[in-house]
Amino acid sequence: MVSNKEWKDLIKSDPEVMMGKPVIAGTRITVELILEKLAVGETVEQLCDEHPRLTKEGVYAALAFASEALRADVVYPVQLERQVGAKTSEVPG
């Protein structure tokens, strides 16, 4: 697995690369892409085969980064209030 210090060395964010999204250092492979592919069932080995510059450590670093990012965020449910006079569209159903 990847320690906190190690993932910080493996995940970088640069406004000039992939619009600043967190990527595996030295690549254009985003943490987002890795999470999406794992979420649909791809294995770490499949990811590494598809992206030769990606290592298992890079995948684990992406997971560690995402975990810490979510831990740091507090999400509160938001209830949108209807404004007086606002139009709403009807959804068939």
Protein backbone atom coordinates (compact mmCIF):
# COMPACT_ATOMS: atom_id res chain seq x y z
CA MET A 1 0.00 0.00 0.00
CA VAL A 2 0.95 3.66 -0.14
CA SER A 3 1.66 5.82 2.89
CA ASN A 4 0.43 9.39 3.25
CA LYS A 5 3.85 10.81 2.36
CA GLU A 6 4.24 8.51 -0.64
CA TRP A 7 0.93 9.46 -2.25
CA LYS A 8 1.81 13.12 -1.89
CA ASP A 9 4.90 12.40 -3.98
CA LEU A 10 2.87 10.50 -6.59
CA ILE A 11 -0.15 12.82 -7.03
CA LYS A 12 0.39 16.26 -8.55
CA SER A 13 -1.87 19.11 -9.61
CA ASP A 14 -0.70 21.68 -12.14
CA PRO A 15 -2.99 24.17 -13.90
CA GLU A 16 -1.05 23.47 -17.11
CA VAL A 17 -1.81 19.72 -16.98
CA MET A 18 -5.35 18.40 -17.39
CA MET A 19 -6.82 21.74 -16.23
CA GLY A 20 -5.31 21.30 -12.78
CA LYS A 21 -7.00 18.00 -11.99
CA PRO A 22 -4.93 15.74 -9.75
CA VAL A 23 -2.85 13.36 -11.87
CA ILE A 24 -0.28 10.65 -11.35
CA ALA A 25 3.08 12.46 -11.35
CA GLY A 26 4.75 12.47 -14.75
CA THR A 27 1.56 11.45 -16.58
CA ARG A 28 -1.72 12.89 -17.74
CA ILE A 29 -3.64 10.10 -15.99
CA THR A 30 -6.15 11.71 -13.64
CA VAL A 31 -7.23 10.40 -10.26
CA GLU A 32 -10.77 10.80 -11.58
CA LEU A 33 -10.10 8.40 -14.47
CA ILE A 34 -8.62 5.81 -12.15
CA LEU A 35 -11.60 6.00 -9.78
CA GLU A 36 -14.10 5.77 -12.65
CA LYS A 37 -12.40 2.70 -14.12
CA LEU A 38 -12.16 0.94 -10.76
CA ALA A 39 -15.81 1.78 -10.05
CA VAL A 40 -16.95 -0.06 -13.19
CA GLY A 41 -14.96 -3.14 -12.26
CA GLU A 42 -11.60 -2.81 -13.94
CA THR A 43 -8.76 -4.31 -11.96
CA VAL A 44 -5.52 -2.61 -11.00
CA GLU A 45 -3.74 -4.95 -13.41
CA GLN A 46 -6.07 -3.97 -16.27
CA LEU A 47 -5.49 -0.29 -15.58
CA CYS A 48 -1.72 -0.76 -15.60
CA ASP A 49 -1.92 -2.78 -18.83
CA GLU A 50 -4.01 -0.04 -20.51
CA HIS A 51 -1.69 2.73 -19.28
CA PRO A 52 1.93 1.53 -19.35
CA ARG A 53 3.21 4.54 -17.36
CA LEU A 54 0.77 3.78 -14.53
CA THR A 55 2.00 1.61 -11.66
CA LYS A 56 0.15 -0.22 -8.92
CA GLU A 57 1.59 2.33 -6.49
CA GLY A 58 0.07 5.09 -8.64
CA VAL A 59 -3.37 3.47 -8.46
CA TYR A 60 -3.09 3.06 -4.69
CA ALA A 61 -1.89 6.66 -4.41
CA ALA A 62 -5.02 7.79 -6.30
CA LEU A 63 -7.19 5.88 -3.83
CA ALA A 64 -5.32 7.33 -0.85
CA PHE A 65 -5.64 10.84 -2.30
CA ALA A 66 -9.39 10.41 -2.88
CA SER A 67 -9.88 9.03 0.61
CA GLU A 68 -8.11 11.97 2.21
CA ALA A 69 -9.93 14.46 -0.01
CA LEU A 70 -13.29 13.05 1.06
CA ARG A 71 -12.26 12.90 4.69
CA ALA A 72 -11.44 16.59 4.59
CA ASP A 73 -14.75 17.57 2.99
CA VAL A 74 -17.97 17.98 4.88
CA VAL A 75 -21.03 17.54 2.72
CA TYR A 76 -24.31 18.95 3.90
CA PRO A 77 -27.58 18.14 2.17
CA VAL A 78 -28.95 21.19 0.44
CA GLN A 79 -32.64 21.76 0.00
CA LEU A 80 -33.34 24.20 -2.79
CA GLU A 81 -36.11 26.64 -2.06
CA ARG A 82 -38.49 27.63 -4.81
CA GLN A 83 -38.37 31.27 -5.59
CA VAL A 84 -41.65 33.08 -5.90
CA GLY A 85 -42.58 33.26 -9.56
CA ALA A 86 -39.95 30.73 -10.62
CA LYS A 87 -41.02 28.31 -13.31
CA THR A 88 -40.48 24.62 -12.84
CA SER A 89 -40.55 22.05 -15.55
CA GLU A 90 -42.69 18.99 -15.15
CA VAL A 91 -41.05 15.64 -15.34
CA PRO A 92 -43.20 12.89 -16.83
CA GLY A 93 -43.48 10.01 -14.59
